[in-house]
Amino acid sequence: MSRFQVCISVFLLGLFVVTPLLHATHTHGPTEISGNDALTSLGLTRLASVSFDLRIYENAALVNLDGLSGLSSVGLNLYVYDNASLADIDGLSGLSSLGDYLHIVDNPRLPTCAAEALVARLRSLGWMGDADTGTCP
């Protein structure tokens, strides 16, 4: 069953198309994209900022984060985990501001070095938060 709910937070659970957010430039609250087994891409290129947490997890067919190419800021924490087909996070290349914590783990097709490269780039921009990305071989 699909469910979309807007309250203080935006939750996308079991949706195949992220239609309500296609033209959004900002979310005011935690944003979660999870449990979308058929979702292969995000298509949220206009999304520039998320005020609180951004959580992307348990999207079995999601192969990349290119649909977040316009994202420049996450106010608190960014979590990307348990996405079985996720192979690259190049869509986060525009991210220049992140609050406290970056968590990119348990994405079996994603090279750990890609997550570490994102951390290194954020650190070069002055980010001093904590990161959990595993270890690059």
C-alpha atoms as a PDB file:
ATOM      1  CA  MET A   1       0.000   0.000   0.000  1.00  0.00           C
ATOM      2  CA  SER A   2       1.297   3.477  -0.853  1.00  0.00           C
ATOM      3  CA  ARG A   3       1.307   6.246   1.696  1.00  0.00           C
ATOM      4  CA  PHE A   4       2.270   9.903   1.519  1.00  0.00           C
ATOM      5  CA  GLN A   5       1.968  12.050   4.585  1.00  0.00           C
ATOM      6  CA  VAL A   6       2.972  15.641   5.150  1.00  0.00           C
ATOM      7  CA  CYS A   7       3.074  16.775   8.731  1.00  0.00           C
ATOM      8  CA  ILE A   8       6.071  18.239  10.482  1.00  0.00           C
ATOM      9  CA  SER A   9       7.973  15.657   8.477  1.00  0.00           C
ATOM     10  CA  VAL A  10       7.783  14.344   4.962  1.00  0.00           C
ATOM     11  CA  PHE A  11       7.627  10.558   4.721  1.00  0.00           C
ATOM     12  CA  LEU A  12       7.651   8.587   1.503  1.00  0.00           C
ATOM     13  CA  LEU A  13       6.925   4.957   2.185  1.00  0.00           C
ATOM     14  CA  GLY A  14       6.149   2.404  -0.486  1.00  0.00           C
ATOM     15  CA  LEU A  15       5.798   4.965  -3.278  1.00  0.00           C
ATOM     16  CA  PHE A  16       6.884   4.201  -6.815  1.00  0.00           C
ATOM     17  CA  VAL A  17       6.650   7.801  -8.016  1.00  0.00           C
ATOM     18  CA  VAL A  18       7.681  10.722  -5.852  1.00  0.00           C
ATOM     19  CA  THR A  19       5.191  13.048  -7.552  1.00  0.00           C
ATOM     20  CA  PRO A  20       4.377  15.377  -4.610  1.00  0.00           C
ATOM     21  CA  LEU A  21       8.037  16.404  -4.274  1.00  0.00           C
ATOM     22  CA  LEU A  22       8.972  16.695  -7.956  1.00  0.00           C
ATOM     23  CA  HIS A  23       8.833  20.496  -7.865  1.00  0.00           C
ATOM     24  CA  ALA A  24       9.862  21.007  -4.248  1.00  0.00           C
ATOM     25  CA  THR A  25      12.962  23.066  -3.580  1.00  0.00           C
ATOM     26  CA  HIS A  26      12.987  22.665   0.204  1.00  0.00           C
ATOM     27  CA  THR A  27      11.544  20.365   2.851  1.00  0.00           C
ATOM     28  CA  HIS A  28      10.793  21.738   6.312  1.00  0.00           C
ATOM     29  CA  GLY A  29      11.383  18.723   8.486  1.00  0.00           C
ATOM     30  CA  PRO A  30      12.919  15.279   8.329  1.00  0.00           C
ATOM     31  CA  THR A  31      12.616  13.696   4.894  1.00  0.00           C
ATOM     32  CA  GLU A  32      12.579   9.942   4.498  1.00  0.00           C
ATOM     33  CA  ILE A  33      12.546   7.889   1.316  1.00  0.00           C
ATOM     34  CA  SER A  34      12.301   4.241   2.253  1.00  0.00           C
ATOM     35  CA  GLY A  35      10.729   0.899   1.496  1.00  0.00           C
ATOM     36  CA  ASN A  36      10.301   1.606  -2.213  1.00  0.00           C
ATOM     37  CA  ASP A  37      11.204  -1.734  -3.787  1.00  0.00           C
ATOM     38  CA  ALA A  38      10.503  -0.575  -7.365  1.00  0.00           C
ATOM     39  CA  LEU A  39      12.040   2.911  -7.109  1.00  0.00           C
ATOM     40  CA  THR A  40      15.060   3.105  -9.446  1.00  0.00           C
ATOM     41  CA  SER A  41      15.655   6.877  -9.398  1.00  0.00           C
ATOM     42  CA  LEU A  42      14.574   9.868  -7.356  1.00  0.00           C
ATOM     43  CA  GLY A  43      13.895  12.675  -9.854  1.00  0.00           C
ATOM     44  CA  LEU A  44      14.151  15.398  -7.213  1.00  0.00           C
ATOM     45  CA  THR A  45      16.643  17.600  -9.044  1.00  0.00           C
ATOM     46  CA  ARG A  46      14.931  20.803  -7.851  1.00  0.00           C
ATOM     47  CA  LEU A  47      15.320  19.880  -4.195  1.00  0.00           C
ATOM     48  CA  ALA A  48      18.005  22.246  -2.886  1.00  0.00           C
ATOM     49  CA  SER A  49      17.739  21.821   0.875  1.00  0.00           C
ATOM     50  CA  VAL A  50      16.338  19.681   3.648  1.00  0.00           C
ATOM     51  CA  SER A  51      15.964  21.427   7.016  1.00  0.00           C
ATOM     52  CA  PHE A  52      16.489  18.383   9.204  1.00  0.00           C
ATOM     53  CA  ASP A  53      17.471  14.764   8.493  1.00  0.00           C
ATOM     54  CA  LEU A  54      17.474  13.161   5.058  1.00  0.00           C
ATOM     55  CA  ARG A  55      17.132   9.373   5.218  1.00  0.00           C
ATOM     56  CA  ILE A  56      17.300   7.173   2.127  1.00  0.00           C
ATOM     57  CA  TYR A  57      17.084   3.491   2.959  1.00  0.00           C
ATOM     58  CA  GLU A  58      15.633   0.111   2.017  1.00  0.00           C
ATOM     59  CA  ASN A  59      15.000   1.066  -1.619  1.00  0.00           C
ATOM     60  CA  ALA A  60      16.015  -2.220  -3.250  1.00  0.00           C
ATOM     61  CA  ALA A  61      16.100  -1.046  -6.895  1.00  0.00           C
ATOM     62  CA  LEU A  62      17.565   2.448  -6.399  1.00  0.00           C
ATOM     63  CA  VAL A  63      20.788   2.507  -8.452  1.00  0.00           C
ATOM     64  CA  ASN A  64      22.031   6.069  -7.952  1.00  0.00           C
ATOM     65  CA  LEU A  65      21.284   9.391  -6.297  1.00  0.00           C
ATOM     66  CA  ASP A  66      21.475  11.442  -9.508  1.00  0.00           C
ATOM     67  CA  GLY A  67      17.962  12.715  -8.774  1.00  0.00           C
ATOM     68  CA  LEU A  68      19.432  14.754  -5.919  1.00  0.00           C
ATOM     69  CA  SER A  69      21.856  16.697  -8.110  1.00  0.00           C
ATOM     70  CA  GLY A  70      20.401  20.027  -6.954  1.00  0.00           C
ATOM     71  CA  LEU A  71      20.768  19.260  -3.255  1.00  0.00           C
ATOM     72  CA  SER A  72      23.193  21.655  -1.594  1.00  0.00           C
ATOM     73  CA  SER A  73      22.233  21.528   2.072  1.00  0.00           C
ATOM     74  CA  VAL A  74      21.039  19.052   4.701  1.00  0.00           C
ATOM     75  CA  GLY A  75      20.407  20.771   8.021  1.00  0.00           C
ATOM     76  CA  LEU A  76      21.187  17.881  10.344  1.00  0.00           C
ATOM     77  CA  ASN A  77      22.073  14.342   9.311  1.00  0.00           C
ATOM     78  CA  LEU A  78      22.284  12.398   6.064  1.00  0.00           C
ATOM     79  CA  TYR A  79      21.633   8.656   6.175  1.00  0.00           C
ATOM     80  CA  VAL A  80      21.974   6.389   3.122  1.00  0.00           C
ATOM     81  CA  TYR A  81      21.825   2.695   3.986  1.00  0.00           C
ATOM     82  CA  ASP A  82      20.428  -0.709   3.050  1.00  0.00           C
ATOM     83  CA  ASN A  83      19.869   0.155  -0.626  1.00  0.00           C
ATOM     84  CA  ALA A  84      20.728  -3.145  -2.326  1.00  0.00           C
ATOM     85  CA  SER A  85      21.314  -1.783  -5.859  1.00  0.00           C
ATOM     86  CA  LEU A  86      22.828   1.609  -5.063  1.00  0.00           C
ATOM     87  CA  ALA A  87      26.055   1.807  -7.080  1.00  0.00           C
ATOM     88  CA  ASP A  88      26.959   5.508  -6.992  1.00  0.00           C
ATOM     89  CA  ILE A  89      26.302   8.648  -4.999  1.00  0.00           C
ATOM     90  CA  ASP A  90      27.514  11.169  -7.577  1.00  0.00           C
ATOM     91  CA  GLY A  91      24.143  12.902  -7.236  1.00  0.00           C
ATOM     92  CA  LEU A  92      25.394  14.283  -3.928  1.00  0.00           C
ATOM     93  CA  SER A  93      28.240  16.165  -5.622  1.00  0.00           C
ATOM     94  CA  GLY A  94      26.458  19.493  -5.087  1.00  0.00           C
ATOM     95  CA  LEU A  95      26.150  18.968  -1.339  1.00  0.00           C
ATOM     96  CA  SER A  96      28.116  21.755   0.299  1.00  0.00           C
ATOM     97  CA  SER A  97      26.516  22.032   3.724  1.00  0.00           C
ATOM     98  CA  LEU A  98      25.734  19.253   6.176  1.00  0.00           C
ATOM     99  CA  GLY A  99      24.845  19.467   9.842  1.00  0.00           C
ATOM    100  CA  ASP A 100      26.213  16.866  12.211  1.00  0.00           C
ATOM    101  CA  TYR A 101      26.430  13.359  10.807  1.00  0.00           C
ATOM    102  CA  LEU A 102      26.922  11.436   7.578  1.00  0.00           C
ATOM    103  CA  HIS A 103      26.007   7.732   7.587  1.00  0.00           C
ATOM    104  CA  ILE A 104      26.514   5.792   4.347  1.00  0.00           C
ATOM    105  CA  VAL A 105      26.774   2.060   5.021  1.00  0.00           C
ATOM    106  CA  ASP A 106      25.320  -1.315   4.039  1.00  0.00           C
ATOM    107  CA  ASN A 107      24.848  -0.474   0.366  1.00  0.00           C
ATOM    108  CA  PRO A 108      26.514  -3.615  -1.047  1.00  0.00           C
ATOM    109  CA  ARG A 109      27.080  -2.320  -4.610  1.00  0.00           C
ATOM    110  CA  LEU A 110      28.406   1.080  -3.510  1.00  0.00           C
ATOM    111  CA  PRO A 111      32.182   1.314  -3.268  1.00  0.00           C
ATOM    112  CA  THR A 112      33.088   2.473   0.228  1.00  0.00           C
ATOM    113  CA  CYS A 113      35.653   4.769  -1.366  1.00  0.00           C
ATOM    114  CA  ALA A 114      32.799   6.769  -2.932  1.00  0.00           C
ATOM    115  CA  ALA A 115      31.394   7.547   0.509  1.00  0.00           C
ATOM    116  CA  GLU A 116      34.852   8.404   1.814  1.00  0.00           C
ATOM    117  CA  ALA A 117      35.396  10.746  -1.149  1.00  0.00           C
ATOM    118  CA  LEU A 118      32.192  12.579  -0.218  1.00  0.00           C
ATOM    119  CA  VAL A 119      33.434  12.953   3.353  1.00  0.00           C
ATOM    120  CA  ALA A 120      36.789  14.275   2.124  1.00  0.00           C
ATOM    121  CA  ARG A 121      35.074  16.813  -0.147  1.00  0.00           C
ATOM    122  CA  LEU A 122      32.797  18.007   2.669  1.00  0.00           C
ATOM    123  CA  ARG A 123      35.781  18.305   5.003  1.00  0.00           C
ATOM    124  CA  SER A 124      37.577  20.421   2.385  1.00  0.00           C
ATOM    125  CA  LEU A 125      34.591  22.783   2.591  1.00  0.00           C
ATOM    126  CA  GLY A 126      34.963  23.069   6.369  1.00  0.00           C
ATOM    127  CA  TRP A 127      32.527  20.388   7.551  1.00  0.00           C
ATOM    128  CA  MET A 128      33.598  19.028  10.931  1.00  0.00           C
ATOM    129  CA  GLY A 129      30.826  16.518  11.628  1.00  0.00           C
ATOM    130  CA  ASP A 130      31.042  12.800  12.258  1.00  0.00           C
ATOM    131  CA  ALA A 131      30.928  10.194   9.508  1.00  0.00           C
ATOM    132  CA  ASP A 132      30.260   6.483   9.322  1.00  0.00           C
ATOM    133  CA  THR A 133      31.162   5.163   5.879  1.00  0.00           C
ATOM    134  CA  GLY A 134      32.927   1.892   6.518  1.00  0.00           C
ATOM    135  CA  THR A 135      36.528   1.436   5.422  1.00  0.00           C
ATOM    136  CA  CYS A 136      37.874   1.824   1.901  1.00  0.00           C
ATOM    137  CA  PRO A 137      39.919  -1.239   0.908  1.00  0.00           C
END
